[in-house]
Amino acid sequence: TNLQVLEAMLTGESVPISKNLKGVPEKSGLGDRKCMLFSATTVSAGQGLGVVVATGDNAEIGKINRLVSETKVAKTNMVKQMEILGRLLVVVVLSIAVSAFLLALLHAEEDVAESFKSAVAIAVAMIPNGLPALVTIVLSFGVMRMADENAIIKSLPVVETLGSLTVICSDKTGTLTKNEMTLVAMRTSRRQIDVTGVGYAPNGFFQ
């Protein structure tokens, strides 16, 4: 009776949803299914009795988790360019190494072993061993600058992609935020009191 549920974690709706017993079409959106209660949502008022019809990965929140886990990570533009550069370097280095081997063998009249050593030495000298380290260092500076703006980067190549963005469209309630109004600090006429803790959990201190 008078059952109200917070579905911010599932639908992003920040206000409680009133539930009833009226049926809805099978293909209705999650926000329109007023006769259903979903896992990961919170009852804010009232009470009710229901029948469990799906659990685990078959529940709506489970379907979302499965979609997220099955999402393939796309390669960034920088990674693609580095792969192209790597393949190009392989072709160039092998071509020059083979040419050096044949020249040393035919014109310098070196034996096969010496010609092979010369070709390998040339190939090793042409490989830019410091390039991966240089790219990592440059991207690390980008990660630190993003951290100064309270943005946590988990993957280094993403830094290059973020530099090309102008607008990020994202759901807020239930994803970036939890729809929980909490106190983090109080200021009196004498001093400021910081409040620790996470969300509505009964843990924390006044400092």
N, C-alpha and C. Protein backbone atom coordinates (compact mmCIF):
# COMPACT_ATOMS: atom_id res chain seq x y z
N THR A 1 0.84 -1.19 0.00
CA THR A 1 0.00 0.00 0.00
C THR A 1 0.88 1.24 0.00
N ASN A 2 0.50 2.22 -0.83
CA ASN A 2 1.27 3.47 -0.95
C ASN A 2 2.76 3.19 -1.15
N LEU A 3 3.04 2.19 -1.96
CA LEU A 3 4.43 1.77 -2.16
C LEU A 3 5.15 2.74 -3.10
N GLN A 4 6.27 3.26 -2.64
CA GLN A 4 7.09 4.16 -3.45
C GLN A 4 8.53 3.64 -3.46
N VAL A 5 9.13 3.68 -4.64
CA VAL A 5 10.46 3.07 -4.82
C VAL A 5 11.39 4.05 -5.52
N LEU A 6 12.62 4.12 -5.03
CA LEU A 6 13.66 4.91 -5.68
C LEU A 6 14.36 4.03 -6.72
N GLU A 7 14.23 4.41 -7.99
CA GLU A 7 14.80 3.61 -9.08
C GLU A 7 15.97 4.32 -9.76
N ALA A 8 16.61 5.23 -9.01
CA ALA A 8 17.70 6.01 -9.60
C ALA A 8 18.83 5.13 -10.11
N MET A 9 19.15 4.07 -9.40
CA MET A 9 20.24 3.19 -9.80
C MET A 9 19.96 2.51 -11.13
N LEU A 10 18.69 2.33 -11.45
CA LEU A 10 18.31 1.59 -12.66
C LEU A 10 17.90 2.50 -13.81
N THR A 11 17.07 3.49 -13.52
CA THR A 11 16.52 4.34 -14.58
C THR A 11 17.07 5.76 -14.56
N GLY A 12 17.69 6.18 -13.44
CA GLY A 12 18.18 7.55 -13.34
C GLY A 12 17.14 8.52 -12.83
N GLU A 13 15.93 8.05 -12.57
CA GLU A 13 14.87 8.92 -12.05
C GLU A 13 15.17 9.25 -10.60
N SER A 14 15.25 10.55 -10.28
CA SER A 14 15.68 10.97 -8.96
C SER A 14 14.57 11.00 -7.92
N VAL A 15 13.32 10.98 -8.34
CA VAL A 15 12.20 11.04 -7.39
C VAL A 15 11.59 9.65 -7.23
N PRO A 16 10.98 9.37 -6.07
CA PRO A 16 10.36 8.06 -5.86
C PRO A 16 9.22 7.80 -6.85
N ILE A 17 9.08 6.55 -7.26
CA ILE A 17 8.05 6.12 -8.20
C ILE A 17 6.95 5.39 -7.44
N SER A 18 5.71 5.82 -7.63
CA SER A 18 4.57 5.16 -6.98
C SER A 18 4.23 3.89 -7.74
N LYS A 19 4.08 2.79 -7.03
CA LYS A 19 3.78 1.50 -7.64
C LYS A 19 2.30 1.16 -7.48
N ASN A 20 1.77 0.41 -8.44
CA ASN A 20 0.37 -0.02 -8.38
C ASN A 20 0.25 -1.40 -9.01
N LEU A 21 -0.98 -1.89 -9.10
CA LEU A 21 -1.23 -3.24 -9.62
C LEU A 21 -1.73 -3.24 -11.06
N LYS A 22 -1.71 -2.10 -11.73
CA LYS A 22 -2.22 -2.02 -13.10
C LYS A 22 -1.20 -2.61 -14.07
N GLY A 23 -1.65 -3.48 -14.94
CA GLY A 23 -0.79 -4.09 -15.93
C GLY A 23 -0.36 -3.11 -17.01
N VAL A 24 0.77 -3.39 -17.64
CA VAL A 24 1.30 -2.55 -18.72
C VAL A 24 1.68 -3.45 -19.89
N PRO A 25 1.77 -2.90 -21.11
CA PRO A 25 2.20 -3.70 -22.26
C PRO A 25 3.57 -4.34 -22.02
N GLU A 26 3.80 -5.48 -22.65
CA GLU A 26 5.02 -6.26 -22.40
C GLU A 26 6.29 -5.48 -22.75
N LYS A 27 6.24 -4.67 -23.80
CA LYS A 27 7.43 -3.96 -24.26
C LYS A 27 7.55 -2.55 -23.68
N SER A 28 6.88 -2.30 -22.59
CA SER A 28 6.97 -0.98 -21.95
C SER A 28 8.37 -0.74 -21.40
N GLY A 29 8.77 0.52 -21.35
CA GLY A 29 10.07 0.86 -20.78
C GLY A 29 10.10 0.62 -19.29
N LEU A 30 11.30 0.56 -18.73
CA LEU A 30 11.43 0.29 -17.30
C LEU A 30 10.71 1.34 -16.46
N GLY A 31 10.79 2.59 -16.87
CA GLY A 31 10.15 3.65 -16.10
C GLY A 31 8.64 3.59 -16.12
N ASP A 32 8.07 2.87 -17.10
CA ASP A 32 6.61 2.77 -17.22
C ASP A 32 6.04 1.53 -16.53
N ARG A 33 6.89 0.66 -16.06
CA ARG A 33 6.42 -0.58 -15.43
C ARG A 33 6.12 -0.32 -13.96
N LYS A 34 5.01 0.34 -13.72
CA LYS A 34 4.65 0.72 -12.35
C LYS A 34 4.20 -0.46 -11.50
N CYS A 35 3.97 -1.62 -12.12
CA CYS A 35 3.53 -2.79 -11.36
C CYS A 35 4.69 -3.72 -11.03
N MET A 36 5.93 -3.30 -11.33
CA MET A 36 7.10 -4.15 -11.10
C MET A 36 8.07 -3.46 -10.15
N LEU A 37 8.74 -4.28 -9.32
CA LEU A 37 9.84 -3.82 -8.49
C LEU A 37 11.12 -4.47 -9.00
N PHE A 38 12.20 -3.71 -9.02
CA PHE A 38 13.43 -4.21 -9.63
C PHE A 38 14.55 -4.32 -8.60
N SER A 39 15.43 -5.26 -8.87
CA SER A 39 16.63 -5.41 -8.04
C SER A 39 17.48 -4.16 -8.14
N ALA A 40 18.20 -3.83 -7.05
CA ALA A 40 19.08 -2.65 -6.95
C ALA A 40 18.31 -1.36 -6.72
N THR A 41 16.98 -1.42 -6.59
CA THR A 41 16.19 -0.24 -6.24
C THR A 41 15.86 -0.27 -4.75
N THR A 42 15.39 0.86 -4.22
CA THR A 42 15.17 0.99 -2.78
C THR A 42 13.75 1.45 -2.49
N VAL A 43 13.08 0.76 -1.59
CA VAL A 43 11.74 1.16 -1.16
C VAL A 43 11.86 2.35 -0.22
N SER A 44 11.23 3.46 -0.58
CA SER A 44 11.32 4.66 0.25
C SER A 44 10.09 4.85 1.14
N ALA A 45 8.98 4.21 0.78
CA ALA A 45 7.76 4.34 1.59
C ALA A 45 6.80 3.22 1.24
N GLY A 46 5.91 2.90 2.18
CA GLY A 46 4.87 1.91 1.93
C GLY A 46 5.37 0.48 2.06
N GLN A 47 4.52 -0.44 1.66
CA GLN A 47 4.84 -1.86 1.72
C GLN A 47 4.08 -2.59 0.63
N GLY A 48 4.52 -3.79 0.31
CA GLY A 48 3.86 -4.55 -0.74
C GLY A 48 4.28 -6.00 -0.72
N LEU A 49 3.58 -6.81 -1.48
CA LEU A 49 3.84 -8.24 -1.59
C LEU A 49 3.92 -8.60 -3.06
N GLY A 50 4.96 -9.31 -3.46
CA GLY A 50 5.13 -9.62 -4.88
C GLY A 50 5.68 -11.00 -5.12
N VAL A 51 5.83 -11.33 -6.39
CA VAL A 51 6.37 -12.62 -6.82
C VAL A 51 7.65 -12.38 -7.60
N VAL A 52 8.71 -13.09 -7.26
CA VAL A 52 9.98 -12.95 -7.95
C VAL A 52 9.88 -13.63 -9.32
N VAL A 53 10.18 -12.88 -10.37
CA VAL A 53 10.08 -13.42 -11.74
C VAL A 53 11.45 -13.53 -12.41
N ALA A 54 12.49 -12.92 -11.85
CA ALA A 54 13.82 -13.02 -12.46
C ALA A 54 14.87 -12.66 -11.41
N THR A 55 16.01 -13.35 -11.47
CA THR A 55 17.12 -13.08 -10.56
C THR A 55 18.43 -13.09 -11.34
N GLY A 56 19.49 -12.61 -10.69
CA GLY A 56 20.82 -12.67 -11.29
C GLY A 56 20.91 -11.93 -12.61
N ASP A 57 21.51 -12.58 -13.61
CA ASP A 57 21.68 -11.95 -14.92
C ASP A 57 20.37 -11.78 -15.67
N ASN A 58 19.32 -12.45 -15.23
CA ASN A 58 18.01 -12.32 -15.88
C ASN A 58 17.24 -11.10 -15.38
N ALA A 59 17.67 -10.54 -14.24
CA ALA A 59 17.04 -9.31 -13.75
C ALA A 59 17.50 -8.14 -14.61
N GLU A 60 16.78 -7.03 -14.54
CA GLU A 60 17.11 -5.88 -15.39
C GLU A 60 18.50 -5.33 -15.09
N ILE A 61 18.86 -5.25 -13.80
CA ILE A 61 20.20 -4.76 -13.46
C ILE A 61 21.25 -5.75 -13.91
N GLY A 62 20.91 -7.06 -13.89
CA GLY A 62 21.83 -8.08 -14.38
C GLY A 62 22.06 -7.98 -15.87
N LYS A 63 21.00 -7.63 -16.61
CA LYS A 63 21.15 -7.45 -18.06
C LYS A 63 22.08 -6.29 -18.37
N ILE A 64 21.96 -5.22 -17.58
CA ILE A 64 22.84 -4.07 -17.79
C ILE A 64 24.29 -4.45 -17.50
N ASN A 65 24.51 -5.17 -16.39
CA ASN A 65 25.86 -5.60 -16.04
C ASN A 65 26.45 -6.50 -17.12
N ARG A 66 25.61 -7.37 -17.69
CA ARG A 66 26.09 -8.26 -18.74
C ARG A 66 26.47 -7.48 -19.99
N LEU A 67 25.66 -6.49 -20.35
CA LEU A 67 25.98 -5.66 -21.51
C LEU A 67 27.29 -4.91 -21.32
N VAL A 68 27.50 -4.40 -20.10
CA VAL A 68 28.73 -3.66 -19.82
C VAL A 68 29.94 -4.58 -19.89
N SER A 69 29.82 -5.80 -19.33
CA SER A 69 30.95 -6.72 -19.32
C SER A 69 31.27 -7.25 -20.71
N GLU A 70 30.27 -7.30 -21.60
CA GLU A 70 30.49 -7.83 -22.94
C GLU A 70 30.90 -6.76 -23.94
N THR A 71 30.92 -5.51 -23.50
CA THR A 71 31.29 -4.43 -24.40
C THR A 71 32.77 -4.52 -24.77
N LYS A 72 33.06 -4.48 -26.05
CA LYS A 72 34.44 -4.54 -26.52
C LYS A 72 35.05 -3.13 -26.48
N VAL A 73 36.27 -3.08 -25.98
CA VAL A 73 36.96 -1.79 -25.88
C VAL A 73 37.49 -1.41 -27.26
N ALA A 74 37.04 -0.28 -27.76
CA ALA A 74 37.48 0.18 -29.08
C ALA A 74 38.88 0.78 -28.98
N LYS A 75 39.65 0.60 -30.03
CA LYS A 75 40.99 1.17 -30.06
C LYS A 75 40.92 2.67 -30.33
N THR A 76 41.72 3.40 -29.61
CA THR A 76 41.75 4.85 -29.82
C THR A 76 42.52 5.16 -31.10
N ASN A 77 42.36 6.39 -31.56
CA ASN A 77 43.03 6.80 -32.80
C ASN A 77 44.54 6.73 -32.66
N MET A 78 45.04 7.05 -31.47
CA MET A 78 46.48 7.00 -31.26
C MET A 78 47.00 5.57 -31.34
N VAL A 79 46.27 4.63 -30.75
CA VAL A 79 46.68 3.22 -30.80
C VAL A 79 46.69 2.72 -32.23
N LYS A 80 45.68 3.10 -33.01
CA LYS A 80 45.64 2.69 -34.42
C LYS A 80 46.83 3.25 -35.18
N GLN A 81 47.16 4.52 -34.93
CA GLN A 81 48.29 5.13 -35.62
C GLN A 81 49.61 4.49 -35.20
N MET A 82 49.72 4.12 -33.92
CA MET A 82 50.94 3.45 -33.47
C MET A 82 51.08 2.08 -34.11
N GLU A 83 49.96 1.36 -34.28
CA GLU A 83 50.01 0.06 -34.94
C GLU A 83 50.43 0.21 -36.40
N ILE A 84 49.90 1.22 -37.09
CA ILE A 84 50.30 1.47 -38.48
C ILE A 84 51.78 1.80 -38.55
N LEU A 85 52.25 2.65 -37.63
CA LEU A 85 53.66 3.00 -37.59
C LEU A 85 54.53 1.77 -37.34
N GLY A 86 54.06 0.90 -36.44
CA GLY A 86 54.82 -0.32 -36.14
C GLY A 86 54.95 -1.22 -37.35
N ARG A 87 53.84 -1.41 -38.07
CA ARG A 87 53.90 -2.25 -39.27
C ARG A 87 54.79 -1.63 -40.35
N LEU A 88 54.72 -0.31 -40.47
CA LEU A 88 55.57 0.38 -41.45
C LEU A 88 57.05 0.23 -41.09
N LEU A 89 57.36 0.36 -39.81
CA LEU A 89 58.75 0.20 -39.37
C LEU A 89 59.26 -1.21 -39.64
N VAL A 90 58.40 -2.21 -39.41
CA VAL A 90 58.80 -3.60 -39.67
C VAL A 90 59.17 -3.78 -41.14
N VAL A 91 58.34 -3.26 -42.03
CA VAL A 91 58.60 -3.39 -43.46
C VAL A 91 59.89 -2.68 -43.85
N VAL A 92 60.06 -1.45 -43.36
CA VAL A 92 61.25 -0.66 -43.70
C VAL A 92 62.52 -1.32 -43.16
N VAL A 93 62.47 -1.72 -41.88
CA VAL A 93 63.66 -2.32 -41.26
C VAL A 93 64.04 -3.62 -41.95
N LEU A 94 63.05 -4.48 -42.22
CA LEU A 94 63.35 -5.75 -42.90
C LEU A 94 63.91 -5.51 -44.30
N SER A 95 63.35 -4.53 -45.00
CA SER A 95 63.83 -4.24 -46.36
C SER A 95 65.29 -3.79 -46.34
N ILE A 96 65.59 -2.87 -45.42
CA ILE A 96 66.97 -2.37 -45.34
C ILE A 96 67.92 -3.46 -44.86
N ALA A 97 67.46 -4.28 -43.90
CA ALA A 97 68.32 -5.35 -43.38
C ALA A 97 68.63 -6.37 -44.47
N VAL A 98 67.63 -6.75 -45.26
CA VAL A 98 67.86 -7.70 -46.35
C VAL A 98 68.79 -7.10 -47.40
N SER A 99 68.58 -5.82 -47.70
CA SER A 99 69.45 -5.15 -48.68
C SER A 99 70.89 -5.10 -48.18
N ALA A 100 71.05 -4.78 -46.89
CA ALA A 100 72.39 -4.74 -46.31
C ALA A 100 73.05 -6.11 -46.33
N PHE A 101 72.26 -7.14 -46.06
CA PHE A 101 72.79 -8.51 -46.09
C PHE A 101 73.28 -8.88 -47.48
N LEU A 102 72.49 -8.57 -48.50
CA LEU A 102 72.87 -8.91 -49.88
C LEU A 102 74.07 -8.10 -50.34
N LEU A 103 74.11 -6.82 -49.98
CA LEU A 103 75.24 -5.98 -50.37
C LEU A 103 76.54 -6.46 -49.71
N ALA A 104 76.44 -6.79 -48.42
CA ALA A 104 77.64 -7.28 -47.73
C ALA A 104 78.09 -8.62 -48.29
N LEU A 105 77.15 -9.43 -48.70
CA LEU A 105 77.48 -10.77 -49.20
C LEU A 105 78.04 -10.72 -50.61
N LEU A 106 77.48 -9.84 -51.45
CA LEU A 106 77.86 -9.84 -52.86
C LEU A 106 78.98 -8.86 -53.18
N HIS A 107 78.93 -7.66 -52.61
CA HIS A 107 79.89 -6.63 -52.98
C HIS A 107 81.06 -6.54 -52.00
N ALA A 108 80.79 -6.69 -50.72
CA ALA A 108 81.88 -6.62 -49.74
C ALA A 108 82.60 -7.94 -49.59
N GLU A 109 82.09 -8.97 -50.23
CA GLU A 109 82.69 -10.31 -50.22
C GLU A 109 82.87 -10.85 -48.80
N GLU A 110 81.89 -10.55 -47.92
CA GLU A 110 81.90 -11.13 -46.58
C GLU A 110 81.22 -12.49 -46.63
N ASP A 111 81.56 -13.34 -45.65
CA ASP A 111 80.88 -14.64 -45.61
C ASP A 111 79.46 -14.47 -45.09
N VAL A 112 78.69 -15.55 -45.12
CA VAL A 112 77.28 -15.47 -44.75
C VAL A 112 77.10 -15.03 -43.30
N ALA A 113 77.90 -15.56 -42.40
CA ALA A 113 77.77 -15.24 -40.98
C ALA A 113 78.01 -13.76 -40.72
N GLU A 114 79.07 -13.22 -41.30
CA GLU A 114 79.39 -11.80 -41.09
C GLU A 114 78.34 -10.90 -41.73
N SER A 115 77.86 -11.30 -42.90
CA SER A 115 76.82 -10.51 -43.56
C SER A 115 75.54 -10.50 -42.73
N PHE A 116 75.21 -11.65 -42.14
CA PHE A 116 74.00 -11.73 -41.30
C PHE A 116 74.14 -10.87 -40.06
N LYS A 117 75.33 -10.90 -39.42
CA LYS A 117 75.56 -10.08 -38.24
C LYS A 117 75.42 -8.59 -38.57
N SER A 118 75.95 -8.20 -39.72
CA SER A 118 75.85 -6.79 -40.11
C SER A 118 74.40 -6.38 -40.34
N ALA A 119 73.63 -7.26 -40.99
CA ALA A 119 72.22 -6.96 -41.24
C ALA A 119 71.43 -6.85 -39.94
N VAL A 120 71.70 -7.77 -39.00
CA VAL A 120 71.01 -7.73 -37.70
C VAL A 120 71.37 -6.46 -36.94
N ALA A 121 72.64 -6.08 -36.97
CA ALA A 121 73.08 -4.86 -36.27
C ALA A 121 72.38 -3.63 -36.83
N ILE A 122 72.26 -3.56 -38.15
CA ILE A 122 71.57 -2.43 -38.77
C ILE A 122 70.09 -2.41 -38.38
N ALA A 123 69.46 -3.60 -38.37
CA ALA A 123 68.04 -3.68 -38.02
C ALA A 123 67.80 -3.24 -36.58
N VAL A 124 68.66 -3.70 -35.67
CA VAL A 124 68.51 -3.33 -34.25
C VAL A 124 68.72 -1.83 -34.07
N ALA A 125 69.68 -1.27 -34.79
CA ALA A 125 69.96 0.16 -34.65
C ALA A 125 68.82 1.02 -35.16
N MET A 126 68.05 0.51 -36.11
CA MET A 126 66.96 1.30 -36.69
C MET A 126 65.68 1.26 -35.87
N ILE A 127 65.56 0.29 -34.97
CA ILE A 127 64.34 0.16 -34.17
C ILE A 127 64.31 1.26 -33.10
N PRO A 128 63.27 2.09 -33.05
CA PRO A 128 63.19 3.17 -32.05
C PRO A 128 62.76 2.62 -30.68
N ASN A 129 63.74 2.10 -29.93
CA ASN A 129 63.43 1.46 -28.65
C ASN A 129 62.83 2.44 -27.64
N GLY A 130 63.18 3.70 -27.75
CA GLY A 130 62.68 4.67 -26.78
C GLY A 130 61.30 5.21 -27.07
N LEU A 131 60.73 4.87 -28.24
CA LEU A 131 59.43 5.43 -28.61
C LEU A 131 58.31 5.01 -27.65
N PRO A 132 58.16 3.72 -27.30
CA PRO A 132 57.09 3.35 -26.35
C PRO A 132 57.21 4.06 -25.01
N ALA A 133 58.46 4.17 -24.51
CA ALA A 133 58.66 4.85 -23.23
C ALA A 133 58.31 6.33 -23.34
N LEU A 134 58.67 6.95 -24.46
CA LEU A 134 58.36 8.36 -24.67
C LEU A 134 56.86 8.60 -24.71
N VAL A 135 56.14 7.75 -25.43
CA VAL A 135 54.68 7.88 -25.51
C VAL A 135 54.05 7.71 -24.13
N THR A 136 54.54 6.73 -23.36
CA THR A 136 54.01 6.50 -22.02
C THR A 136 54.24 7.71 -21.11
N ILE A 137 55.42 8.30 -21.20
CA ILE A 137 55.73 9.47 -20.36
C ILE A 137 54.83 10.65 -20.71
N VAL A 138 54.64 10.89 -22.01
CA VAL A 138 53.79 12.00 -22.44
C VAL A 138 52.35 11.79 -21.97
N LEU A 139 51.84 10.58 -22.11
CA LEU A 139 50.47 10.30 -21.67
C LEU A 139 50.35 10.38 -20.16
N SER A 140 51.41 10.02 -19.44
CA SER A 140 51.38 10.10 -17.98
C SER A 140 51.23 11.54 -17.51
N PHE A 141 51.88 12.47 -18.21
CA PHE A 141 51.70 13.88 -17.88
C PHE A 141 50.24 14.30 -18.08
N GLY A 142 49.62 13.77 -19.14
CA GLY A 142 48.20 14.05 -19.36
C GLY A 142 47.33 13.50 -18.26
N VAL A 143 47.65 12.31 -17.77
CA VAL A 143 46.89 11.71 -16.67
C VAL A 143 47.00 12.57 -15.42
N MET A 144 48.19 13.06 -15.13
CA MET A 144 48.38 13.90 -13.94
C MET A 144 47.61 15.21 -14.05
N ARG A 145 47.58 15.79 -15.24
CA ARG A 145 46.83 17.03 -15.43
C ARG A 145 45.33 16.78 -15.27
N MET A 146 44.85 15.64 -15.77
CA MET A 146 43.44 15.30 -15.59
C MET A 146 43.12 15.05 -14.12
N ALA A 147 44.06 14.42 -13.40
CA ALA A 147 43.84 14.16 -11.97
C ALA A 147 43.72 15.47 -11.20
N ASP A 148 44.44 16.49 -11.62
CA ASP A 148 44.32 17.80 -10.97
C ASP A 148 42.93 18.39 -11.14
N GLU A 149 42.21 17.94 -12.18
CA GLU A 149 40.84 18.41 -12.42
C GLU A 149 39.81 17.39 -11.91
N ASN A 150 40.26 16.48 -11.03
CA ASN A 150 39.39 15.47 -10.41
C ASN A 150 38.83 14.46 -11.43
N ALA A 151 39.59 14.18 -12.47
CA ALA A 151 39.20 13.16 -13.45
C ALA A 151 40.20 12.01 -13.37
N ILE A 152 39.70 10.83 -13.05
CA ILE A 152 40.56 9.66 -12.89
C ILE A 152 40.60 8.89 -14.21
N ILE A 153 41.78 8.70 -14.77
CA ILE A 153 41.97 8.00 -16.04
C ILE A 153 42.52 6.61 -15.75
N LYS A 154 41.81 5.57 -16.19
CA LYS A 154 42.25 4.20 -15.96
C LYS A 154 43.12 3.66 -17.09
N SER A 155 42.98 4.20 -18.28
CA SER A 155 43.72 3.71 -19.44
C SER A 155 44.47 4.87 -20.08
N LEU A 156 45.77 4.73 -20.24
CA LEU A 156 46.59 5.82 -20.78
C LEU A 156 46.15 6.28 -22.17
N PRO A 157 45.86 5.39 -23.13
CA PRO A 157 45.47 5.87 -24.46
C PRO A 157 44.22 6.75 -24.47
N VAL A 158 43.40 6.65 -23.41
CA VAL A 158 42.17 7.44 -23.37
C VAL A 158 42.49 8.93 -23.26
N VAL A 159 43.65 9.27 -22.73
CA VAL A 159 44.02 10.68 -22.56
C VAL A 159 44.00 11.39 -23.90
N GLU A 160 44.53 10.74 -24.93
CA GLU A 160 44.55 11.36 -26.26
C GLU A 160 43.15 11.58 -26.79
N THR A 161 42.24 10.64 -26.53
CA THR A 161 40.86 10.77 -26.99
C THR A 161 40.14 11.89 -26.25
N LEU A 162 40.37 12.00 -24.94
CA LEU A 162 39.72 13.05 -24.16
C LEU A 162 40.13 14.44 -24.64
N GLY A 163 41.34 14.55 -25.17
CA GLY A 163 41.78 15.84 -25.69
C GLY A 163 41.02 16.29 -26.92
N SER A 164 40.29 15.37 -27.57
CA SER A 164 39.52 15.70 -28.76
C SER A 164 38.05 15.96 -28.46
N LEU A 165 37.65 15.79 -27.19
CA LEU A 165 36.24 15.94 -26.83
C LEU A 165 35.89 17.40 -26.56
N THR A 166 34.66 17.74 -26.87
CA THR A 166 34.14 19.06 -26.52
C THR A 166 32.95 18.95 -25.57
N VAL A 167 32.13 17.90 -25.74
CA VAL A 167 30.95 17.70 -24.90
C VAL A 167 30.85 16.23 -24.53
N ILE A 168 30.59 15.94 -23.26
CA ILE A 168 30.34 14.57 -22.80
C ILE A 168 28.91 14.49 -22.31
N CYS A 169 28.10 13.63 -22.92
CA CYS A 169 26.71 13.43 -22.51
C CYS A 169 26.63 12.14 -21.70
N SER A 170 26.18 12.24 -20.47
CA SER A 170 26.15 11.07 -19.60
C SER A 170 24.97 11.18 -18.64
N ASP A 171 24.42 10.02 -18.28
CA ASP A 171 23.41 9.98 -17.23
C ASP A 171 24.10 10.29 -15.90
N LYS A 172 23.45 11.02 -15.04
CA LYS A 172 24.06 11.42 -13.77
C LYS A 172 23.57 10.59 -12.60
N THR A 173 22.27 10.65 -12.33
CA THR A 173 21.72 10.00 -11.15
C THR A 173 21.79 8.48 -11.29
N GLY A 174 22.41 7.85 -10.32
CA GLY A 174 22.53 6.40 -10.34
C GLY A 174 23.81 5.91 -10.98
N THR A 175 24.50 6.79 -11.71
CA THR A 175 25.77 6.42 -12.33
C THR A 175 26.90 7.26 -11.75
N LEU A 176 26.87 8.56 -12.02
CA LEU A 176 27.88 9.44 -11.44
C LEU A 176 27.54 9.80 -10.00
N THR A 177 26.27 9.85 -9.69
CA THR A 177 25.83 10.15 -8.33
C THR A 177 24.88 9.06 -7.84
N LYS A 178 24.56 9.07 -6.54
CA LYS A 178 23.72 8.04 -5.94
C LYS A 178 22.36 8.56 -5.50
N ASN A 179 22.05 9.82 -5.82
CA ASN A 179 20.78 10.42 -5.40
C ASN A 179 20.63 10.38 -3.87
N GLU A 180 21.72 10.68 -3.18
CA GLU A 180 21.71 10.73 -1.72
C GLU A 180 22.24 12.09 -1.27
N MET A 181 21.38 12.85 -0.61
CA MET A 181 21.79 14.15 -0.09
C MET A 181 22.52 13.92 1.23
N THR A 182 23.80 14.25 1.28
CA THR A 182 24.59 13.99 2.48
C THR A 182 25.33 15.26 2.91
N LEU A 183 25.61 15.34 4.19
CA LEU A 183 26.32 16.47 4.76
C LEU A 183 27.82 16.18 4.76
N VAL A 184 28.61 17.08 4.23
CA VAL A 184 30.06 16.88 4.18
C VAL A 184 30.81 17.90 5.04
N ALA A 185 30.17 19.02 5.37
CA ALA A 185 30.85 20.02 6.19
C ALA A 185 29.83 20.97 6.81
N MET A 186 30.16 21.47 8.00
CA MET A 186 29.35 22.48 8.68
C MET A 186 30.26 23.63 9.09
N ARG A 187 29.75 24.84 8.98
CA ARG A 187 30.56 26.00 9.35
C ARG A 187 29.83 26.79 10.44
N THR A 188 30.50 26.98 11.55
CA THR A 188 29.96 27.79 12.64
C THR A 188 30.67 29.15 12.62
N SER A 189 30.35 29.97 13.60
CA SER A 189 30.99 31.29 13.66
C SER A 189 32.46 31.18 14.02
N ARG A 190 32.87 30.03 14.55
CA ARG A 190 34.26 29.88 14.99
C ARG A 190 35.09 28.99 14.06
N ARG A 191 34.49 27.93 13.54
CA ARG A 191 35.31 27.02 12.73
C ARG A 191 34.44 26.18 11.82
N GLN A 192 35.10 25.43 10.95
CA GLN A 192 34.39 24.51 10.05
C GLN A 192 34.55 23.09 10.57
N ILE A 193 33.45 22.34 10.53
CA ILE A 193 33.46 20.94 10.97
C ILE A 193 33.25 20.06 9.75
N ASP A 194 34.22 19.20 9.47
CA ASP A 194 34.11 18.27 8.35
C ASP A 194 33.44 16.98 8.80
N VAL A 195 32.58 16.44 7.94
CA VAL A 195 31.84 15.22 8.25
C VAL A 195 32.29 14.13 7.29
N THR A 196 32.76 13.02 7.83
CA THR A 196 33.21 11.90 7.00
C THR A 196 32.10 10.87 6.87
N GLY A 197 32.32 9.87 6.02
CA GLY A 197 31.33 8.83 5.79
C GLY A 197 30.93 8.77 4.33
N VAL A 198 30.21 7.71 3.98
CA VAL A 198 29.78 7.50 2.61
C VAL A 198 28.27 7.30 2.58
N GLY A 199 27.57 8.18 1.85
CA GLY A 199 26.13 8.01 1.65
C GLY A 199 25.35 7.98 2.95
N TYR A 200 24.37 7.08 3.00
CA TYR A 200 23.51 6.96 4.17
C TYR A 200 24.02 5.94 5.17
N ALA A 201 25.20 5.38 4.96
CA ALA A 201 25.74 4.40 5.90
C ALA A 201 26.00 5.06 7.25
N PRO A 202 25.66 4.35 8.36
CA PRO A 202 25.82 4.94 9.70
C PRO A 202 27.26 4.92 10.17
N ASN A 203 28.17 5.35 9.35
CA ASN A 203 29.58 5.40 9.71
C ASN A 203 30.13 6.77 9.36
N GLY A 204 31.03 7.27 10.20
CA GLY A 204 31.61 8.58 9.93
C GLY A 204 31.87 9.34 11.22
N PHE A 205 32.56 10.46 11.06
CA PHE A 205 32.95 11.23 12.23
C PHE A 205 32.83 12.72 11.93
N PHE A 206 32.70 13.51 13.01
CA PHE A 206 32.74 14.97 12.92
C PHE A 206 34.16 15.40 13.29
N GLN A 207 34.82 16.08 12.39
CA GLN A 207 36.21 16.46 12.62
C GLN A 207 36.36 17.98 12.63
